[in-house]
Amino acid sequence: MEYKVNMIARDDVYKVNFRLGFRVEQRMNVFLRKVVEDLMENDELNIRSRYHVGHGEIATGDFKFVIIQEFLSHENDLPLLEQAVMRIYLAVKSVTASPQNWFGLDSDSVEIEQVPLVLRRVKDLQLKRSCKTGRPRDYSRTDLC
């Protein structure tokens, strides 16, 4: 098992890629804690502890894992067949095991975020402004109705 770390913003954002191998139990919270400990020991990451830590222990801080869950946006302009395929795909995805279980994450450290999936935006929308408003027209502005 090995991992690779790419620093995006020092002490703030890191990307970690794991190569775990076949039939390795995925306990991402344990693996990530070990990565943070290694980064701190090598002075690549600085975390100031808010808690009292015993002598010889490394304070790695608290972790929050964000799982991104997609839903089909109303902004899509998909043909009927593609809409059906995407709805079936998302329905099957919703009844399979959750990514939380795949990665062996504890429920108290997981937050699920809903993100709209936009595959093909609506183009050439024919929308015309109506001049019928309930208020008097401002004749000094020529760009308005």
N, C-alpha and C. Protein backbone atom coordinates (compact mmCIF):
# COMPACT_ATOMS: atom_id res chain seq x y z
N MET A 1 0.85 -1.18 0.00
CA MET A 1 0.00 0.00 0.00
C MET A 1 0.89 1.23 0.00
N GLU A 2 0.49 2.21 -0.79
CA GLU A 2 1.25 3.46 -0.86
C GLU A 2 0.31 4.61 -1.15
N TYR A 3 0.83 5.82 -0.97
CA TYR A 3 0.03 7.01 -1.26
C TYR A 3 0.93 8.09 -1.84
N LYS A 4 0.30 9.05 -2.52
CA LYS A 4 1.00 10.19 -3.11
C LYS A 4 0.26 11.45 -2.68
N VAL A 5 1.02 12.47 -2.27
CA VAL A 5 0.44 13.72 -1.79
C VAL A 5 0.82 14.84 -2.73
N ASN A 6 -0.17 15.61 -3.17
CA ASN A 6 0.05 16.84 -3.94
C ASN A 6 -0.45 18.01 -3.10
N MET A 7 0.44 18.96 -2.81
CA MET A 7 0.06 20.12 -2.03
C MET A 7 -0.54 21.16 -2.97
N ILE A 8 -1.77 21.57 -2.71
CA ILE A 8 -2.44 22.58 -3.51
C ILE A 8 -2.31 23.94 -2.84
N ALA A 9 -2.56 24.00 -1.54
CA ALA A 9 -2.37 25.23 -0.76
C ALA A 9 -1.80 24.81 0.60
N ARG A 10 -0.60 25.27 0.89
CA ARG A 10 0.11 24.83 2.10
C ARG A 10 -0.74 25.00 3.35
N ASP A 11 -0.75 23.98 4.18
CA ASP A 11 -1.49 23.92 5.44
C ASP A 11 -2.99 24.08 5.26
N ASP A 12 -3.49 23.93 4.04
CA ASP A 12 -4.92 24.12 3.82
C ASP A 12 -5.52 23.03 2.93
N VAL A 13 -5.00 22.85 1.71
CA VAL A 13 -5.59 21.91 0.77
C VAL A 13 -4.52 20.97 0.22
N TYR A 14 -4.77 19.68 0.38
CA TYR A 14 -3.87 18.65 -0.13
C TYR A 14 -4.72 17.62 -0.87
N LYS A 15 -4.13 17.06 -1.93
CA LYS A 15 -4.78 15.97 -2.64
C LYS A 15 -3.97 14.71 -2.36
N VAL A 16 -4.66 13.66 -1.90
CA VAL A 16 -3.99 12.42 -1.56
C VAL A 16 -4.57 11.30 -2.42
N ASN A 17 -3.68 10.61 -3.16
CA ASN A 17 -4.07 9.46 -3.97
C ASN A 17 -3.53 8.21 -3.30
N PHE A 18 -4.42 7.25 -3.05
CA PHE A 18 -4.02 5.99 -2.43
C PHE A 18 -3.96 4.88 -3.46
N ARG A 19 -2.96 4.03 -3.37
CA ARG A 19 -2.88 2.79 -4.15
C ARG A 19 -2.91 1.67 -3.11
N LEU A 20 -4.08 1.09 -2.93
CA LEU A 20 -4.27 0.15 -1.83
C LEU A 20 -4.06 -1.31 -2.22
N GLY A 21 -4.33 -1.65 -3.45
CA GLY A 21 -4.18 -3.04 -3.84
C GLY A 21 -5.49 -3.79 -3.75
N PHE A 22 -5.40 -5.06 -4.04
CA PHE A 22 -6.58 -5.92 -4.12
C PHE A 22 -6.93 -6.46 -2.73
N ARG A 23 -8.21 -6.45 -2.42
CA ARG A 23 -8.75 -7.01 -1.18
C ARG A 23 -8.21 -6.35 0.09
N VAL A 24 -7.94 -5.08 0.01
CA VAL A 24 -7.53 -4.33 1.19
C VAL A 24 -8.76 -3.61 1.72
N GLU A 25 -9.05 -3.79 2.98
CA GLU A 25 -10.20 -3.12 3.58
C GLU A 25 -9.98 -1.62 3.53
N GLN A 26 -10.93 -0.91 2.98
CA GLN A 26 -10.77 0.54 2.80
C GLN A 26 -11.25 1.27 4.04
N ARG A 27 -10.32 1.62 4.88
CA ARG A 27 -10.61 2.41 6.07
C ARG A 27 -9.94 3.77 5.89
N MET A 28 -10.59 4.59 5.08
CA MET A 28 -9.99 5.86 4.66
C MET A 28 -9.69 6.78 5.84
N ASN A 29 -10.53 6.78 6.86
CA ASN A 29 -10.27 7.66 7.99
C ASN A 29 -8.97 7.28 8.69
N VAL A 30 -8.67 5.98 8.78
CA VAL A 30 -7.42 5.52 9.40
C VAL A 30 -6.24 5.87 8.51
N PHE A 31 -6.38 5.62 7.20
CA PHE A 31 -5.30 5.92 6.27
C PHE A 31 -5.00 7.42 6.23
N LEU A 32 -6.03 8.23 6.19
CA LEU A 32 -5.83 9.68 6.12
C LEU A 32 -5.19 10.22 7.40
N ARG A 33 -5.57 9.68 8.52
CA ARG A 33 -4.95 10.10 9.79
C ARG A 33 -3.45 9.79 9.77
N LYS A 34 -3.08 8.63 9.21
CA LYS A 34 -1.66 8.25 9.10
C LYS A 34 -0.92 9.20 8.15
N VAL A 35 -1.55 9.58 7.05
CA VAL A 35 -0.95 10.52 6.10
C VAL A 35 -0.69 11.86 6.79
N VAL A 36 -1.66 12.35 7.56
CA VAL A 36 -1.51 13.62 8.27
C VAL A 36 -0.37 13.53 9.28
N GLU A 37 -0.28 12.42 9.99
CA GLU A 37 0.82 12.23 10.95
C GLU A 37 2.17 12.28 10.24
N ASP A 38 2.28 11.60 9.09
CA ASP A 38 3.52 11.61 8.33
C ASP A 38 3.87 13.01 7.84
N LEU A 39 2.88 13.75 7.35
CA LEU A 39 3.12 15.12 6.89
C LEU A 39 3.58 16.01 8.03
N MET A 40 3.01 15.83 9.21
CA MET A 40 3.40 16.64 10.36
C MET A 40 4.81 16.28 10.83
N GLU A 41 5.16 15.00 10.83
CA GLU A 41 6.50 14.58 11.24
C GLU A 41 7.58 15.12 10.29
N ASN A 42 7.24 15.26 9.00
CA ASN A 42 8.18 15.76 8.00
C ASN A 42 8.12 17.28 7.84
N ASP A 43 7.39 17.97 8.72
CA ASP A 43 7.22 19.43 8.70
C ASP A 43 6.63 19.93 7.38
N GLU A 44 5.78 19.14 6.75
CA GLU A 44 5.08 19.55 5.54
C GLU A 44 3.70 20.11 5.85
N LEU A 45 3.24 19.88 7.08
CA LEU A 45 1.91 20.31 7.51
C LEU A 45 2.01 20.78 8.95
N ASN A 46 1.37 21.91 9.24
CA ASN A 46 1.38 22.46 10.59
C ASN A 46 -0.05 22.58 11.08
N ILE A 47 -0.39 21.81 12.09
CA ILE A 47 -1.72 21.88 12.71
C ILE A 47 -1.52 22.25 14.16
N ARG A 48 -2.07 23.37 14.54
CA ARG A 48 -2.00 23.78 15.94
C ARG A 48 -3.12 23.08 16.70
N SER A 49 -2.77 22.34 17.71
CA SER A 49 -3.75 21.57 18.46
C SER A 49 -4.54 22.46 19.42
N ARG A 50 -5.85 22.26 19.44
CA ARG A 50 -6.71 22.98 20.38
C ARG A 50 -6.95 22.14 21.63
N TYR A 51 -6.50 20.92 21.60
CA TYR A 51 -6.75 19.98 22.69
C TYR A 51 -5.44 19.62 23.37
N HIS A 52 -5.54 19.21 24.61
CA HIS A 52 -4.37 18.75 25.32
C HIS A 52 -3.96 17.39 24.76
N VAL A 53 -2.70 17.26 24.41
CA VAL A 53 -2.19 16.03 23.84
C VAL A 53 -1.11 15.49 24.75
N GLY A 54 -1.18 14.19 25.02
CA GLY A 54 -0.19 13.56 25.87
C GLY A 54 1.20 13.60 25.25
N HIS A 55 2.22 13.43 26.07
CA HIS A 55 3.61 13.47 25.59
C HIS A 55 3.84 12.31 24.60
N GLY A 56 4.41 12.64 23.46
CA GLY A 56 4.71 11.61 22.46
C GLY A 56 3.58 11.37 21.47
N GLU A 57 2.41 11.97 21.71
CA GLU A 57 1.29 11.80 20.79
C GLU A 57 1.29 12.94 19.78
N ILE A 58 0.75 12.66 18.61
CA ILE A 58 0.65 13.68 17.57
C ILE A 58 -0.82 14.05 17.41
N ALA A 59 -1.12 15.35 17.52
CA ALA A 59 -2.50 15.81 17.35
C ALA A 59 -2.79 15.98 15.87
N THR A 60 -3.65 15.16 15.32
CA THR A 60 -3.94 15.24 13.89
C THR A 60 -5.19 16.03 13.59
N GLY A 61 -5.92 16.44 14.59
CA GLY A 61 -7.12 17.24 14.36
C GLY A 61 -8.33 16.39 14.02
N ASP A 62 -9.43 17.06 13.71
CA ASP A 62 -10.68 16.39 13.36
C ASP A 62 -10.81 16.34 11.85
N PHE A 63 -11.50 15.31 11.36
CA PHE A 63 -11.69 15.14 9.93
C PHE A 63 -13.17 15.19 9.59
N LYS A 64 -13.46 15.76 8.45
CA LYS A 64 -14.82 15.77 7.90
C LYS A 64 -14.70 15.33 6.45
N PHE A 65 -15.42 14.25 6.09
CA PHE A 65 -15.40 13.74 4.73
C PHE A 65 -16.68 14.19 4.04
N VAL A 66 -16.54 14.77 2.86
CA VAL A 66 -17.68 15.27 2.10
C VAL A 66 -17.89 14.33 0.91
N ILE A 67 -19.07 13.71 0.86
CA ILE A 67 -19.43 12.84 -0.25
C ILE A 67 -20.34 13.63 -1.17
N ILE A 68 -19.97 13.70 -2.45
CA ILE A 68 -20.74 14.47 -3.41
C ILE A 68 -21.73 13.54 -4.09
N GLN A 69 -23.00 13.85 -3.94
CA GLN A 69 -24.08 13.04 -4.52
C GLN A 69 -24.73 13.86 -5.63
N GLU A 70 -24.80 13.27 -6.82
CA GLU A 70 -25.31 13.99 -7.99
C GLU A 70 -26.80 13.75 -8.17
N PHE A 71 -27.47 14.77 -8.71
CA PHE A 71 -28.85 14.60 -9.16
C PHE A 71 -28.98 15.29 -10.51
N LEU A 72 -29.89 14.83 -11.33
CA LEU A 72 -30.06 15.35 -12.68
C LEU A 72 -30.74 16.71 -12.61
N SER A 73 -30.05 17.73 -13.10
CA SER A 73 -30.54 19.10 -13.04
C SER A 73 -31.66 19.33 -14.06
N HIS A 74 -32.51 20.31 -13.77
CA HIS A 74 -33.57 20.69 -14.70
C HIS A 74 -33.03 21.55 -15.84
N GLU A 75 -31.77 21.97 -15.76
CA GLU A 75 -31.17 22.80 -16.79
C GLU A 75 -30.69 22.00 -18.00
N ASN A 76 -30.85 20.69 -17.98
CA ASN A 76 -30.40 19.85 -19.08
C ASN A 76 -31.38 19.88 -20.25
N ASP A 77 -30.83 19.79 -21.44
CA ASP A 77 -31.62 19.69 -22.65
C ASP A 77 -31.24 18.38 -23.33
N LEU A 78 -31.63 17.27 -22.71
CA LEU A 78 -31.28 15.94 -23.20
C LEU A 78 -32.41 15.34 -24.01
N PRO A 79 -32.07 14.56 -25.03
CA PRO A 79 -33.10 13.81 -25.74
C PRO A 79 -33.77 12.81 -24.78
N LEU A 80 -34.94 12.38 -25.13
CA LEU A 80 -35.74 11.51 -24.25
C LEU A 80 -34.99 10.25 -23.85
N LEU A 81 -34.30 9.61 -24.79
CA LEU A 81 -33.56 8.38 -24.49
C LEU A 81 -32.44 8.63 -23.48
N GLU A 82 -31.69 9.71 -23.67
CA GLU A 82 -30.61 10.03 -22.73
C GLU A 82 -31.15 10.38 -21.34
N GLN A 83 -32.30 11.05 -21.29
CA GLN A 83 -32.93 11.34 -19.99
C GLN A 83 -33.28 10.05 -19.27
N ALA A 84 -33.84 9.09 -20.00
CA ALA A 84 -34.23 7.81 -19.41
C ALA A 84 -32.99 7.06 -18.91
N VAL A 85 -31.93 7.05 -19.71
CA VAL A 85 -30.70 6.36 -19.31
C VAL A 85 -30.13 6.98 -18.05
N MET A 86 -30.07 8.29 -17.98
CA MET A 86 -29.52 8.97 -16.80
C MET A 86 -30.38 8.74 -15.56
N ARG A 87 -31.69 8.73 -15.74
CA ARG A 87 -32.57 8.48 -14.58
C ARG A 87 -32.41 7.06 -14.06
N ILE A 88 -32.25 6.10 -14.97
CA ILE A 88 -32.03 4.71 -14.56
C ILE A 88 -30.68 4.59 -13.85
N TYR A 89 -29.66 5.23 -14.41
CA TYR A 89 -28.32 5.22 -13.79
C TYR A 89 -28.37 5.77 -12.37
N LEU A 90 -29.00 6.93 -12.18
CA LEU A 90 -29.07 7.54 -10.86
C LEU A 90 -29.95 6.73 -9.90
N ALA A 91 -30.99 6.06 -10.43
CA ALA A 91 -31.83 5.21 -9.59
C ALA A 91 -31.05 3.99 -9.09
N VAL A 92 -30.29 3.37 -9.99
CA VAL A 92 -29.47 2.21 -9.59
C VAL A 92 -28.42 2.65 -8.59
N LYS A 93 -27.83 3.81 -8.83
CA LYS A 93 -26.81 4.34 -7.93
C LYS A 93 -27.37 4.60 -6.52
N SER A 94 -28.63 4.99 -6.45
CA SER A 94 -29.24 5.30 -5.15
C SER A 94 -29.56 4.05 -4.33
N VAL A 95 -29.71 2.88 -4.97
CA VAL A 95 -30.04 1.66 -4.22
C VAL A 95 -28.82 0.80 -3.92
N THR A 96 -27.66 1.14 -4.47
CA THR A 96 -26.45 0.38 -4.15
C THR A 96 -25.90 0.85 -2.81
N ALA A 97 -24.87 0.18 -2.34
CA ALA A 97 -24.24 0.57 -1.07
C ALA A 97 -23.70 1.99 -1.17
N SER A 98 -23.73 2.69 -0.08
CA SER A 98 -23.30 4.09 -0.08
C SER A 98 -21.77 4.19 -0.08
N PRO A 99 -21.24 5.27 -0.65
CA PRO A 99 -19.78 5.48 -0.61
C PRO A 99 -19.26 5.54 0.83
N GLN A 100 -20.09 5.92 1.73
CA GLN A 100 -19.71 5.94 3.15
C GLN A 100 -19.30 4.54 3.60
N ASN A 101 -20.05 3.53 3.17
CA ASN A 101 -19.71 2.14 3.51
C ASN A 101 -18.53 1.63 2.70
N TRP A 102 -18.44 2.04 1.43
CA TRP A 102 -17.32 1.60 0.59
C TRP A 102 -15.99 1.97 1.20
N PHE A 103 -15.90 3.19 1.72
CA PHE A 103 -14.64 3.71 2.22
C PHE A 103 -14.44 3.48 3.72
N GLY A 104 -15.40 2.85 4.37
CA GLY A 104 -15.28 2.54 5.79
C GLY A 104 -15.25 3.78 6.66
N LEU A 105 -16.13 4.74 6.38
CA LEU A 105 -16.16 5.99 7.13
C LEU A 105 -17.21 5.93 8.23
N ASP A 106 -16.91 6.53 9.36
CA ASP A 106 -17.88 6.63 10.44
C ASP A 106 -18.91 7.68 10.08
N SER A 107 -20.16 7.44 10.48
CA SER A 107 -21.25 8.34 10.08
C SER A 107 -21.13 9.74 10.68
N ASP A 108 -20.45 9.88 11.81
CA ASP A 108 -20.35 11.21 12.42
C ASP A 108 -19.33 12.11 11.73
N SER A 109 -18.50 11.54 10.85
CA SER A 109 -17.50 12.36 10.16
C SER A 109 -17.82 12.55 8.68
N VAL A 110 -19.06 12.24 8.28
CA VAL A 110 -19.44 12.31 6.87
C VAL A 110 -20.54 13.34 6.66
N GLU A 111 -20.37 14.14 5.61
CA GLU A 111 -21.40 15.09 5.20
C GLU A 111 -21.69 14.83 3.73
N ILE A 112 -22.97 14.72 3.40
CA ILE A 112 -23.37 14.44 2.02
C ILE A 112 -23.83 15.74 1.38
N GLU A 113 -23.25 16.07 0.23
CA GLU A 113 -23.56 17.30 -0.47
C GLU A 113 -24.24 16.96 -1.80
N GLN A 114 -25.37 17.59 -2.07
CA GLN A 114 -26.11 17.38 -3.31
C GLN A 114 -25.61 18.36 -4.37
N VAL A 115 -25.24 17.84 -5.54
CA VAL A 115 -24.70 18.67 -6.62
C VAL A 115 -25.49 18.39 -7.89
N PRO A 116 -25.99 19.44 -8.57
CA PRO A 116 -26.73 19.22 -9.82
C PRO A 116 -25.80 18.74 -10.93
N LEU A 117 -26.26 17.77 -11.68
CA LEU A 117 -25.50 17.23 -12.80
C LEU A 117 -26.04 17.85 -14.08
N VAL A 118 -25.24 18.68 -14.73
CA VAL A 118 -25.64 19.36 -15.96
C VAL A 118 -24.81 18.76 -17.09
N LEU A 119 -25.46 18.03 -17.99
CA LEU A 119 -24.76 17.39 -19.10
C LEU A 119 -24.81 18.21 -20.38
N ARG A 120 -25.97 18.78 -20.67
CA ARG A 120 -26.13 19.59 -21.88
C ARG A 120 -27.06 20.74 -21.54
N ARG A 121 -26.50 21.93 -21.50
CA ARG A 121 -27.30 23.11 -21.16
C ARG A 121 -28.30 23.44 -22.26
N VAL A 122 -29.38 24.10 -21.88
CA VAL A 122 -30.39 24.55 -22.83
C VAL A 122 -29.80 25.69 -23.65
N LYS A 123 -29.90 25.56 -24.98
CA LYS A 123 -29.39 26.59 -25.89
C LYS A 123 -30.55 27.18 -26.67
N ASP A 124 -30.36 28.36 -27.19
CA ASP A 124 -31.34 29.02 -28.04
C ASP A 124 -32.71 29.09 -27.37
N LEU A 125 -32.74 29.58 -26.17
CA LEU A 125 -33.99 29.75 -25.44
C LEU A 125 -34.70 30.99 -25.98
N GLN A 126 -35.89 30.82 -26.50
CA GLN A 126 -36.66 31.93 -27.06
C GLN A 126 -37.55 32.50 -25.95
N LEU A 127 -37.08 33.56 -25.35
CA LEU A 127 -37.81 34.20 -24.27
C LEU A 127 -37.97 35.67 -24.63
N LYS A 128 -39.22 36.13 -24.69
CA LYS A 128 -39.51 37.50 -25.11
C LYS A 128 -40.09 38.27 -23.93
N ARG A 129 -39.62 39.48 -23.76
CA ARG A 129 -40.10 40.31 -22.66
C ARG A 129 -41.44 40.91 -23.03
N SER A 130 -42.37 40.85 -22.10
CA SER A 130 -43.69 41.43 -22.30
C SER A 130 -43.68 42.85 -21.74
N CYS A 131 -44.34 43.75 -22.44
CA CYS A 131 -44.38 45.15 -22.01
C CYS A 131 -45.55 45.42 -21.07
N LYS A 132 -46.32 44.44 -20.78
CA LYS A 132 -47.49 44.65 -19.94
C LYS A 132 -47.10 44.54 -18.48
N THR A 133 -46.84 45.67 -17.87
CA THR A 133 -46.54 45.72 -16.45
C THR A 133 -47.64 46.51 -15.78
N GLY A 134 -47.82 46.41 -14.56
CA GLY A 134 -48.87 47.13 -13.87
C GLY A 134 -48.47 48.51 -13.44
N ARG A 135 -47.32 48.99 -13.90
CA ARG A 135 -46.83 50.31 -13.46
C ARG A 135 -46.67 51.24 -14.66
N PRO A 136 -46.63 52.53 -14.41
CA PRO A 136 -46.47 53.47 -15.52
C PRO A 136 -45.10 53.34 -16.16
N ARG A 137 -45.05 53.56 -17.45
CA ARG A 137 -43.82 53.43 -18.22
C ARG A 137 -42.95 54.66 -18.02
N ASP A 138 -41.64 54.45 -17.92
CA ASP A 138 -40.68 55.54 -17.82
C ASP A 138 -40.24 55.88 -19.24
N TYR A 139 -40.80 56.96 -19.82
CA TYR A 139 -40.53 57.34 -21.20
C TYR A 139 -39.14 57.93 -21.40
N SER A 140 -38.44 58.25 -20.30
CA SER A 140 -37.10 58.80 -20.45
C SER A 140 -36.09 57.70 -20.81
N ARG A 141 -36.44 56.44 -20.55
CA ARG A 141 -35.57 55.31 -20.89
C ARG A 141 -36.13 54.63 -22.12
N THR A 142 -35.36 54.60 -23.16
CA THR A 142 -35.82 54.00 -24.42
C THR A 142 -35.54 52.51 -24.50
N ASP A 143 -34.70 51.99 -23.60
CA ASP A 143 -34.34 50.58 -23.67
C ASP A 143 -35.37 49.68 -22.97
N LEU A 144 -36.33 50.27 -22.26
CA LEU A 144 -37.35 49.50 -21.57
C LEU A 144 -38.68 49.61 -22.30
N CYS A 145 -39.57 48.70 -22.05
CA CYS A 145 -40.90 48.75 -22.65
C CYS A 145 -41.71 49.87 -22.07
